[in-house]
Structure formats: C-alpha cells, structure tokens
Amino acid sequence: LSAPLAVYVDGGDEIVSPAESAALLCAGGRIPGLASGRSPAEI
C-alpha cells in the first residue's frame, strides 16, 4: 500500500486476543488497531 496500514482484528474461526494479534501485526510492521469496548484486562 501507499500509506501506513492499521489493522483491526476480530472474528473468524481462530480465536486470538487483542494482545496476540497486536504481536503478530507489530512483527509484520503493521499498526495494531484496538476496537472499542474491550475489557480492561484485554486493553
């Protein structure tokens, strides 16, 4: 892409936490997105 990419991960058959998806995205050079309504522990 021609500009930075932020990725919001949710749903699907494979269940990953926001932290787990963030680790994958950071390793790939992408910006993790945090959706509204997550629990304090998840955040």
PDB file of all heavy atoms in Angstrom:
ATOM      1  N   LEU A   1       0.824  -1.201   0.000  1.00  0.00           N
ATOM      2  CA  LEU A   1       0.000   0.000   0.000  1.00  0.00           C
ATOM      3  C   LEU A   1       0.862   1.256   0.000  1.00  0.00           C
ATOM      4  O   LEU A   1       2.045   1.206   0.362  1.00  0.00           O
ATOM      5  CB  LEU A   1      -0.922   0.002   1.221  1.00  0.00           C
ATOM      6  CG  LEU A   1      -1.927  -1.162   1.297  1.00  0.00           C
ATOM      7  CD1 LEU A   1      -2.536  -1.238   2.688  1.00  0.00           C
ATOM      8  CD2 LEU A   1      -3.003  -0.998   0.235  1.00  0.00           C
ATOM      9  N   SER A   2       0.242   2.369  -0.371  1.00  0.00           N
ATOM     10  CA  SER A   2       0.976   3.631  -0.500  1.00  0.00           C
ATOM     11  C   SER A   2       1.021   4.437   0.791  1.00  0.00           C
ATOM     12  O   SER A   2       1.595   5.526   0.824  1.00  0.00           O
ATOM     13  CB  SER A   2       0.331   4.482  -1.602  1.00  0.00           C
ATOM     14  OG  SER A   2      -1.029   4.761  -1.282  1.00  0.00           O
ATOM     15  N   ALA A   3       0.398   3.941   1.841  1.00  0.00           N
ATOM     16  CA  ALA A   3       0.362   4.634   3.134  1.00  0.00           C
ATOM     17  C   ALA A   3       0.355   3.586   4.241  1.00  0.00           C
ATOM     18  O   ALA A   3       0.102   2.409   3.985  1.00  0.00           O
ATOM     19  CB  ALA A   3      -0.869   5.538   3.222  1.00  0.00           C
ATOM     20  N   PRO A   4       0.631   3.996   5.484  1.00  0.00           N
ATOM     21  CA  PRO A   4       0.614   3.026   6.592  1.00  0.00           C
ATOM     22  C   PRO A   4      -0.722   2.310   6.699  1.00  0.00           C
ATOM     23  O   PRO A   4      -1.770   2.859   6.356  1.00  0.00           O
ATOM     24  CB  PRO A   4       0.879   3.908   7.818  1.00  0.00           C
ATOM     25  CG  PRO A   4       1.616   5.091   7.283  1.00  0.00           C
ATOM     26  CD  PRO A   4       1.054   5.340   5.925  1.00  0.00           C
ATOM     27  N   LEU A   5      -0.674   1.084   7.206  1.00  0.00           N
ATOM     28  CA  LEU A   5      -1.875   0.256   7.346  1.00  0.00           C
ATOM     29  C   LEU A   5      -2.113  -0.066   8.815  1.00  0.00           C
ATOM     30  O   LEU A   5      -1.240  -0.593   9.499  1.00  0.00           O
ATOM     31  CB  LEU A   5      -1.721  -1.042   6.558  1.00  0.00           C
ATOM     32  CG  LEU A   5      -2.854  -2.070   6.735  1.00  0.00           C
ATOM     33  CD1 LEU A   5      -4.168  -1.530   6.179  1.00  0.00           C
ATOM     34  CD2 LEU A   5      -2.478  -3.391   6.067  1.00  0.00           C
ATOM     35  N   ALA A   6      -3.319   0.259   9.289  1.00  0.00           N
ATOM     36  CA  ALA A   6      -3.756  -0.134  10.632  1.00  0.00           C
ATOM     37  C   ALA A   6      -4.769  -1.265  10.489  1.00  0.00           C
ATOM     38  O   ALA A   6      -5.648  -1.206   9.626  1.00  0.00           O
ATOM     39  CB  ALA A   6      -4.385   1.048  11.362  1.00  0.00           C
ATOM     40  N   VAL A   7      -4.643  -2.275  11.333  1.00  0.00           N
ATOM     41  CA  VAL A   7      -5.461  -3.476  11.190  1.00  0.00           C
ATOM     42  C   VAL A   7      -6.227  -3.748  12.478  1.00  0.00           C
ATOM     43  O   VAL A   7      -5.633  -3.872  13.561  1.00  0.00           O
ATOM     44  CB  VAL A   7      -4.594  -4.699  10.832  1.00  0.00           C
ATOM     45  CG1 VAL A   7      -5.467  -5.934  10.636  1.00  0.00           C
ATOM     46  CG2 VAL A   7      -3.758  -4.424   9.581  1.00  0.00           C
ATOM     47  N   TYR A   8      -7.547  -3.861  12.336  1.00  0.00           N
ATOM     48  CA  TYR A   8      -8.422  -4.240  13.436  1.00  0.00           C
ATOM     49  C   TYR A   8      -8.808  -5.700  13.233  1.00  0.00           C
ATOM     50  O   TYR A   8      -9.395  -6.048  12.204  1.00  0.00           O
ATOM     51  CB  TYR A   8      -9.684  -3.383  13.458  1.00  0.00           C
ATOM     52  CG  TYR A   8      -9.451  -1.943  13.858  1.00  0.00           C
ATOM     53  CD1 TYR A   8      -9.086  -0.988  12.908  1.00  0.00           C
ATOM     54  CD2 TYR A   8      -9.605  -1.542  15.176  1.00  0.00           C
ATOM     55  CE1 TYR A   8      -8.884   0.333  13.269  1.00  0.00           C
ATOM     56  CE2 TYR A   8      -9.404  -0.215  15.552  1.00  0.00           C
ATOM     57  CZ  TYR A   8      -9.037   0.710  14.593  1.00  0.00           C
ATOM     58  OH  TYR A   8      -8.837   2.023  14.958  1.00  0.00           O
ATOM     59  N   VAL A   9      -8.467  -6.555  14.197  1.00  0.00           N
ATOM     60  CA  VAL A   9      -8.705  -7.991  14.069  1.00  0.00           C
ATOM     61  C   VAL A   9      -9.863  -8.404  14.963  1.00  0.00           C
ATOM     62  O   VAL A   9      -9.882  -8.109  16.158  1.00  0.00           O
ATOM     63  CB  VAL A   9      -7.445  -8.792  14.446  1.00  0.00           C
ATOM     64  CG1 VAL A   9      -7.706 -10.295  14.323  1.00  0.00           C
ATOM     65  CG2 VAL A   9      -6.266  -8.378  13.563  1.00  0.00           C
ATOM     66  N   ASP A  10     -10.825  -9.098  14.365  1.00  0.00           N
ATOM     67  CA  ASP A  10     -11.962  -9.576  15.148  1.00  0.00           C
ATOM     68  C   ASP A  10     -12.656 -10.688  14.376  1.00  0.00           C
ATOM     69  O   ASP A  10     -12.723 -10.660  13.151  1.00  0.00           O
ATOM     70  CB  ASP A  10     -12.953  -8.445  15.419  1.00  0.00           C
ATOM     71  CG  ASP A  10     -14.002  -8.825  16.456  1.00  0.00           C
ATOM     72  OD1 ASP A  10     -13.736  -9.741  17.253  1.00  0.00           O
ATOM     73  OD2 ASP A  10     -15.076  -8.209  16.456  1.00  0.00           O
ATOM     74  N   GLY A  11     -13.165 -11.666  15.090  1.00  0.00           N
ATOM     75  CA  GLY A  11     -13.941 -12.723  14.466  1.00  0.00           C
ATOM     76  C   GLY A  11     -13.096 -13.784  13.798  1.00  0.00           C
ATOM     77  O   GLY A  11     -11.864 -13.800  13.886  1.00  0.00           O
ATOM     78  N   GLY A  12     -13.775 -14.705  13.133  1.00  0.00           N
ATOM     79  CA  GLY A  12     -13.102 -15.816  12.478  1.00  0.00           C
ATOM     80  C   GLY A  12     -13.139 -17.067  13.328  1.00  0.00           C
ATOM     81  O   GLY A  12     -13.543 -17.053  14.496  1.00  0.00           O
ATOM     82  N   ASP A  13     -12.704 -18.173  12.746  1.00  0.00           N
ATOM     83  CA  ASP A  13     -12.706 -19.451  13.460  1.00  0.00           C
ATOM     84  C   ASP A  13     -11.591 -19.533  14.493  1.00  0.00           C
ATOM     85  O   ASP A  13     -11.728 -20.188  15.519  1.00  0.00           O
ATOM     86  CB  ASP A  13     -12.559 -20.605  12.460  1.00  0.00           C
ATOM     87  CG  ASP A  13     -13.760 -20.701  11.522  1.00  0.00           C
ATOM     88  OD1 ASP A  13     -14.866 -20.342  11.950  1.00  0.00           O
ATOM     89  OD2 ASP A  13     -13.570 -21.116  10.366  1.00  0.00           O
ATOM     90  N   GLU A  14     -10.482 -18.872  14.205  1.00  0.00           N
ATOM     91  CA  GLU A  14      -9.338 -18.882  15.123  1.00  0.00           C
ATOM     92  C   GLU A  14      -9.485 -17.735  16.109  1.00  0.00           C
ATOM     93  O   GLU A  14      -9.589 -16.569  15.718  1.00  0.00           O
ATOM     94  CB  GLU A  14      -8.029 -18.739  14.337  1.00  0.00           C
ATOM     95  CG  GLU A  14      -6.790 -18.828  15.206  1.00  0.00           C
ATOM     96  CD  GLU A  14      -5.509 -18.682  14.386  1.00  0.00           C
ATOM     97  OE1 GLU A  14      -5.595 -18.700  13.141  1.00  0.00           O
ATOM     98  OE2 GLU A  14      -4.448 -18.538  15.007  1.00  0.00           O
ATOM     99  N   ILE A  15      -9.509 -18.055  17.397  1.00  0.00           N
ATOM    100  CA  ILE A  15      -9.685 -17.033  18.426  1.00  0.00           C
ATOM    101  C   ILE A  15      -8.321 -16.567  18.929  1.00  0.00           C
ATOM    102  O   ILE A  15      -7.541 -17.365  19.455  1.00  0.00           O
ATOM    103  CB  ILE A  15     -10.524 -17.581  19.595  1.00  0.00           C
ATOM    104  CG1 ILE A  15     -11.910 -18.002  19.109  1.00  0.00           C
ATOM    105  CG2 ILE A  15     -10.653 -16.529  20.694  1.00  0.00           C
ATOM    106  CD1 ILE A  15     -12.763 -18.658  20.172  1.00  0.00           C
ATOM    107  N   VAL A  16      -8.049 -15.276  18.731  1.00  0.00           N
ATOM    108  CA  VAL A  16      -6.813 -14.688  19.264  1.00  0.00           C
ATOM    109  C   VAL A  16      -7.194 -13.449  20.061  1.00  0.00           C
ATOM    110  O   VAL A  16      -8.180 -12.762  19.757  1.00  0.00           O
ATOM    111  CB  VAL A  16      -5.815 -14.320  18.147  1.00  0.00           C
ATOM    112  CG1 VAL A  16      -5.381 -15.553  17.378  1.00  0.00           C
ATOM    113  CG2 VAL A  16      -6.390 -13.281  17.202  1.00  0.00           C
ATOM    114  N   SER A  17      -6.434 -13.162  21.081  1.00  0.00           N
ATOM    115  CA  SER A  17      -6.687 -11.986  21.902  1.00  0.00           C
ATOM    116  C   SER A  17      -6.158 -10.745  21.183  1.00  0.00           C
ATOM    117  O   SER A  17      -5.338 -10.847  20.268  1.00  0.00           O
ATOM    118  CB  SER A  17      -5.983 -12.134  23.248  1.00  0.00           C
ATOM    119  OG  SER A  17      -4.577 -12.071  23.064  1.00  0.00           O
ATOM    120  N   PRO A  18      -6.605  -9.552  21.602  1.00  0.00           N
ATOM    121  CA  PRO A  18      -6.025  -8.330  21.034  1.00  0.00           C
ATOM    122  C   PRO A  18      -4.512  -8.277  21.185  1.00  0.00           C
ATOM    123  O   PRO A  18      -3.814  -7.798  20.290  1.00  0.00           O
ATOM    124  CB  PRO A  18      -6.715  -7.223  21.836  1.00  0.00           C
ATOM    125  CG  PRO A  18      -8.020  -7.809  22.237  1.00  0.00           C
ATOM    126  CD  PRO A  18      -7.732  -9.263  22.510  1.00  0.00           C
ATOM    127  N   ALA A  19      -3.996  -8.764  22.302  1.00  0.00           N
ATOM    128  CA  ALA A  19      -2.540  -8.757  22.510  1.00  0.00           C
ATOM    129  C   ALA A  19      -1.835  -9.686  21.530  1.00  0.00           C
ATOM    130  O   ALA A  19      -0.777  -9.350  20.987  1.00  0.00           O
ATOM    131  CB  ALA A  19      -2.215  -9.166  23.945  1.00  0.00           C
ATOM    132  N   GLU A  20      -2.417 -10.860  21.296  1.00  0.00           N
ATOM    133  CA  GLU A  20      -1.794 -11.813  20.374  1.00  0.00           C
ATOM    134  C   GLU A  20      -1.805 -11.289  18.942  1.00  0.00           C
ATOM    135  O   GLU A  20      -0.804 -11.395  18.224  1.00  0.00           O
ATOM    136  CB  GLU A  20      -2.532 -13.151  20.452  1.00  0.00           C
ATOM    137  CG  GLU A  20      -2.318 -13.889  21.766  1.00  0.00           C
ATOM    138  CD  GLU A  20      -3.266 -15.067  21.938  1.00  0.00           C
ATOM    139  OE1 GLU A  20      -4.392 -15.039  21.389  1.00  0.00           O
ATOM    140  OE2 GLU A  20      -2.879 -16.029  22.634  1.00  0.00           O
ATOM    141  N   SER A  21      -2.921 -10.705  18.526  1.00  0.00           N
ATOM    142  CA  SER A  21      -2.963 -10.155  17.175  1.00  0.00           C
ATOM    143  C   SER A  21      -2.028  -8.956  17.053  1.00  0.00           C
ATOM    144  O   SER A  21      -1.377  -8.766  16.022  1.00  0.00           O
ATOM    145  CB  SER A  21      -4.393  -9.754  16.798  1.00  0.00           C
ATOM    146  OG  SER A  21      -4.883  -8.719  17.623  1.00  0.00           O
ATOM    147  N   ALA A  22      -1.916  -8.144  18.115  1.00  0.00           N
ATOM    148  CA  ALA A  22      -1.008  -6.996  18.082  1.00  0.00           C
ATOM    149  C   ALA A  22       0.440  -7.440  17.914  1.00  0.00           C
ATOM    150  O   ALA A  22       1.202  -6.816  17.170  1.00  0.00           O
ATOM    151  CB  ALA A  22      -1.156  -6.179  19.362  1.00  0.00           C
ATOM    152  N   ALA A  23       0.823  -8.517  18.587  1.00  0.00           N
ATOM    153  CA  ALA A  23       2.195  -9.012  18.472  1.00  0.00           C
ATOM    154  C   ALA A  23       2.499  -9.437  17.037  1.00  0.00           C
ATOM    155  O   ALA A  23       3.582  -9.145  16.500  1.00  0.00           O
ATOM    156  CB  ALA A  23       2.410 -10.181  19.431  1.00  0.00           C
ATOM    157  N   LEU A  24       1.547 -10.106  16.392  1.00  0.00           N
ATOM    158  CA  LEU A  24       1.734 -10.526  15.006  1.00  0.00           C
ATOM    159  C   LEU A  24       1.834  -9.322  14.079  1.00  0.00           C
ATOM    160  O   LEU A  24       2.689  -9.279  13.182  1.00  0.00           O
ATOM    161  CB  LEU A  24       0.579 -11.428  14.578  1.00  0.00           C
ATOM    162  CG  LEU A  24       0.476 -12.779  15.284  1.00  0.00           C
ATOM    163  CD1 LEU A  24      -0.838 -13.466  14.920  1.00  0.00           C
ATOM    164  CD2 LEU A  24       1.663 -13.670  14.914  1.00  0.00           C
ATOM    165  N   LEU A  25       0.972  -8.341  14.283  1.00  0.00           N
ATOM    166  CA  LEU A  25       0.972  -7.164  13.426  1.00  0.00           C
ATOM    167  C   LEU A  25       2.238  -6.328  13.607  1.00  0.00           C
ATOM    168  O   LEU A  25       2.816  -5.841  12.634  1.00  0.00           O
ATOM    169  CB  LEU A  25      -0.272  -6.322  13.697  1.00  0.00           C
ATOM    170  CG  LEU A  25      -1.591  -6.963  13.259  1.00  0.00           C
ATOM    171  CD1 LEU A  25      -2.774  -6.230  13.869  1.00  0.00           C
ATOM    172  CD2 LEU A  25      -1.690  -6.978  11.746  1.00  0.00           C
ATOM    173  N   CYS A  26       2.663  -6.156  14.838  1.00  0.00           N
ATOM    174  CA  CYS A  26       3.897  -5.399  15.094  1.00  0.00           C
ATOM    175  C   CYS A  26       5.098  -6.073  14.429  1.00  0.00           C
ATOM    176  O   CYS A  26       5.945  -5.413  13.826  1.00  0.00           O
ATOM    177  CB  CYS A  26       4.140  -5.256  16.590  1.00  0.00           C
ATOM    178  SG  CYS A  26       3.019  -4.126  17.442  1.00  0.00           S
ATOM    179  N   ALA A  27       5.154  -7.389  14.533  1.00  0.00           N
ATOM    180  CA  ALA A  27       6.257  -8.131  13.912  1.00  0.00           C
ATOM    181  C   ALA A  27       6.245  -7.960  12.404  1.00  0.00           C
ATOM    182  O   ALA A  27       7.303  -7.987  11.754  1.00  0.00           O
ATOM    183  CB  ALA A  27       6.165  -9.609  14.278  1.00  0.00           C
ATOM    184  N   GLY A  28       5.055  -7.758  11.827  1.00  0.00           N
ATOM    185  CA  GLY A  28       4.927  -7.577  10.391  1.00  0.00           C
ATOM    186  C   GLY A  28       4.989  -6.129   9.958  1.00  0.00           C
ATOM    187  O   GLY A  28       4.789  -5.829   8.774  1.00  0.00           O
ATOM    188  N   GLY A  29       5.241  -5.217  10.889  1.00  0.00           N
ATOM    189  CA  GLY A  29       5.371  -3.814  10.539  1.00  0.00           C
ATOM    190  C   GLY A  29       4.051  -3.100  10.313  1.00  0.00           C
ATOM    191  O   GLY A  29       4.024  -2.021   9.709  1.00  0.00           O
ATOM    192  N   ARG A  30       2.949  -3.667  10.798  1.00  0.00           N
ATOM    193  CA  ARG A  30       1.639  -3.040  10.653  1.00  0.00           C
ATOM    194  C   ARG A  30       1.186  -2.459  11.983  1.00  0.00           C
ATOM    195  O   ARG A  30       1.632  -2.876  13.051  1.00  0.00           O
ATOM    196  CB  ARG A  30       0.606  -4.044  10.140  1.00  0.00           C
ATOM    197  CG  ARG A  30       0.936  -4.632   8.776  1.00  0.00           C
ATOM    198  CD  ARG A  30       1.193  -3.571   7.732  1.00  0.00           C
ATOM    199  NE  ARG A  30       1.267  -4.113   6.382  1.00  0.00           N
ATOM    200  CZ  ARG A  30       1.589  -3.407   5.305  1.00  0.00           C
ATOM    201  NH1 ARG A  30       1.875  -2.117   5.434  1.00  0.00           N
ATOM    202  NH2 ARG A  30       1.637  -3.976   4.113  1.00  0.00           N
ATOM    203  N   ILE A  31       0.268  -1.490  11.926  1.00  0.00           N
ATOM    204  CA  ILE A  31      -0.211  -0.797  13.118  1.00  0.00           C
ATOM    205  C   ILE A  31      -1.402  -1.561  13.699  1.00  0.00           C
ATOM    206  O   ILE A  31      -2.437  -1.692  13.034  1.00  0.00           O
ATOM    207  CB  ILE A  31      -0.649   0.637  12.779  1.00  0.00           C
ATOM    208  CG1 ILE A  31       0.514   1.416  12.153  1.00  0.00           C
ATOM    209  CG2 ILE A  31      -1.173   1.352  14.014  1.00  0.00           C
ATOM    210  CD1 ILE A  31       0.087   2.744  11.539  1.00  0.00           C
ATOM    211  N   PRO A  32      -1.311  -2.046  14.914  1.00  0.00           N
ATOM    212  CA  PRO A  32      -2.478  -2.713  15.522  1.00  0.00           C
ATOM    213  C   PRO A  32      -3.592  -1.721  15.826  1.00  0.00           C
ATOM    214  O   PRO A  32      -3.334  -0.589  16.253  1.00  0.00           O
ATOM    215  CB  PRO A  32      -1.913  -3.305  16.817  1.00  0.00           C
ATOM    216  CG  PRO A  32      -0.432  -3.308  16.640  1.00  0.00           C
ATOM    217  CD  PRO A  32      -0.123  -2.130  15.778  1.00  0.00           C
ATOM    218  N   GLY A  33      -4.828  -2.145  15.601  1.00  0.00           N
ATOM    219  CA  GLY A  33      -5.978  -1.335  15.949  1.00  0.00           C
ATOM    220  C   GLY A  33      -6.712  -1.961  17.120  1.00  0.00           C
ATOM    221  O   GLY A  33      -6.881  -3.182  17.174  1.00  0.00           O
ATOM    222  N   LEU A  34      -7.136  -1.129  18.059  1.00  0.00           N
ATOM    223  CA  LEU A  34      -7.856  -1.605  19.241  1.00  0.00           C
ATOM    224  C   LEU A  34      -9.301  -1.144  19.152  1.00  0.00           C
ATOM    225  O   LEU A  34      -9.581   0.067  19.169  1.00  0.00           O
ATOM    226  CB  LEU A  34      -7.210  -1.072  20.514  1.00  0.00           C
ATOM    227  CG  LEU A  34      -7.843  -1.524  21.835  1.00  0.00           C
ATOM    228  CD1 LEU A  34      -7.682  -3.027  22.036  1.00  0.00           C
ATOM    229  CD2 LEU A  34      -7.232  -0.769  23.003  1.00  0.00           C
ATOM    230  N   ALA A  35     -10.214  -2.074  19.064  1.00  0.00           N
ATOM    231  CA  ALA A  35     -11.634  -1.742  18.947  1.00  0.00           C
ATOM    232  C   ALA A  35     -12.183  -1.238  20.273  1.00  0.00           C
ATOM    233  O   ALA A  35     -11.642  -1.526  21.347  1.00  0.00           O
ATOM    234  CB  ALA A  35     -12.413  -2.975  18.490  1.00  0.00           C
ATOM    235  N   SER A  36     -13.263  -0.488  20.191  1.00  0.00           N
ATOM    236  CA  SER A  36     -13.949  -0.004  21.384  1.00  0.00           C
ATOM    237  C   SER A  36     -14.614  -1.170  22.118  1.00  0.00           C
ATOM    238  O   SER A  36     -14.994  -2.173  21.514  1.00  0.00           O
ATOM    239  CB  SER A  36     -15.001   1.023  20.989  1.00  0.00           C
ATOM    240  OG  SER A  36     -15.768   1.430  22.092  1.00  0.00           O
ATOM    241  N   GLY A  37     -14.739  -1.024  23.427  1.00  0.00           N
ATOM    242  CA  GLY A  37     -15.493  -1.997  24.209  1.00  0.00           C
ATOM    243  C   GLY A  37     -14.703  -3.179  24.734  1.00  0.00           C
ATOM    244  O   GLY A  37     -15.289  -4.092  25.321  1.00  0.00           O
ATOM    245  N   ARG A  38     -13.409  -3.194  24.563  1.00  0.00           N
ATOM    246  CA  ARG A  38     -12.596  -4.283  25.116  1.00  0.00           C
ATOM    247  C   ARG A  38     -12.523  -4.162  26.637  1.00  0.00           C
ATOM    248  O   ARG A  38     -12.634  -3.073  27.206  1.00  0.00           O
ATOM    249  CB  ARG A  38     -11.182  -4.248  24.522  1.00  0.00           C
ATOM    250  CG  ARG A  38     -11.125  -4.541  23.041  1.00  0.00           C
ATOM    251  CD  ARG A  38     -11.492  -5.980  22.754  1.00  0.00           C
ATOM    252  NE  ARG A  38     -11.265  -6.350  21.355  1.00  0.00           N
ATOM    253  CZ  ARG A  38     -11.457  -7.565  20.863  1.00  0.00           C
ATOM    254  NH1 ARG A  38     -11.888  -8.529  21.649  1.00  0.00           N
ATOM    255  NH2 ARG A  38     -11.237  -7.819  19.593  1.00  0.00           N
ATOM    256  N   SER A  39     -12.309  -5.272  27.290  1.00  0.00           N
ATOM    257  CA  SER A  39     -12.237  -5.264  28.756  1.00  0.00           C
ATOM    258  C   SER A  39     -10.923  -4.626  29.211  1.00  0.00           C
ATOM    259  O   SER A  39      -9.940  -4.587  28.455  1.00  0.00           O
ATOM    260  CB  SER A  39     -12.313  -6.693  29.292  1.00  0.00           C
ATOM    261  OG  SER A  39     -11.106  -7.391  29.004  1.00  0.00           O
ATOM    262  N   PRO A  40     -10.881  -4.107  30.448  1.00  0.00           N
ATOM    263  CA  PRO A  40      -9.628  -3.537  30.961  1.00  0.00           C
ATOM    264  C   PRO A  40      -8.460  -4.512  30.896  1.00  0.00           C
ATOM    265  O   PRO A  40      -7.332  -4.111  30.586  1.00  0.00           O
ATOM    266  CB  PRO A  40      -9.978  -3.174  32.406  1.00  0.00           C
ATOM    267  CG  PRO A  40     -11.443  -2.892  32.367  1.00  0.00           C
ATOM    268  CD  PRO A  40     -12.003  -3.882  31.388  1.00  0.00           C
ATOM    269  N   ALA A  41      -8.707  -5.790  31.160  1.00  0.00           N
ATOM    270  CA  ALA A  41      -7.624  -6.778  31.102  1.00  0.00           C
ATOM    271  C   ALA A  41      -7.121  -6.947  29.674  1.00  0.00           C
ATOM    272  O   ALA A  41      -5.902  -7.028  29.438  1.00  0.00           O
ATOM    273  CB  ALA A  41      -8.110  -8.117  31.649  1.00  0.00           C
ATOM    274  N   GLU A  42      -8.047  -6.992  28.710  1.00  0.00           N
ATOM    275  CA  GLU A  42      -7.635  -7.122  27.308  1.00  0.00           C
ATOM    276  C   GLU A  42      -6.841  -5.903  26.850  1.00  0.00           C
ATOM    277  O   GLU A  42      -5.819  -6.033  26.154  1.00  0.00           O
ATOM    278  CB  GLU A  42      -8.867  -7.292  26.412  1.00  0.00           C
ATOM    279  CG  GLU A  42      -9.537  -8.642  26.524  1.00  0.00           C
ATOM    280  CD  GLU A  42     -10.784  -8.715  25.664  1.00  0.00           C
ATOM    281  OE1 GLU A  42     -11.583  -7.750  25.661  1.00  0.00           O
ATOM    282  OE2 GLU A  42     -10.974  -9.748  24.984  1.00  0.00           O
ATOM    283  N   ILE A  43      -7.298  -4.719  27.254  1.00  0.00           N
ATOM    284  CA  ILE A  43      -6.587  -3.494  26.865  1.00  0.00           C
ATOM    285  C   ILE A  43      -5.200  -3.465  27.486  1.00  0.00           C
ATOM    286  O   ILE A  43      -4.214  -3.118  26.829  1.00  0.00           O
ATOM    287  CB  ILE A  43      -7.396  -2.249  27.286  1.00  0.00           C
ATOM    288  CG1 ILE A  43      -8.751  -2.234  26.580  1.00  0.00           C
ATOM    289  CG2 ILE A  43      -6.622  -0.980  26.965  1.00  0.00           C
ATOM    290  CD1 ILE A  43      -9.688  -1.151  27.091  1.00  0.00           C
TER     291      ILE A  43
END
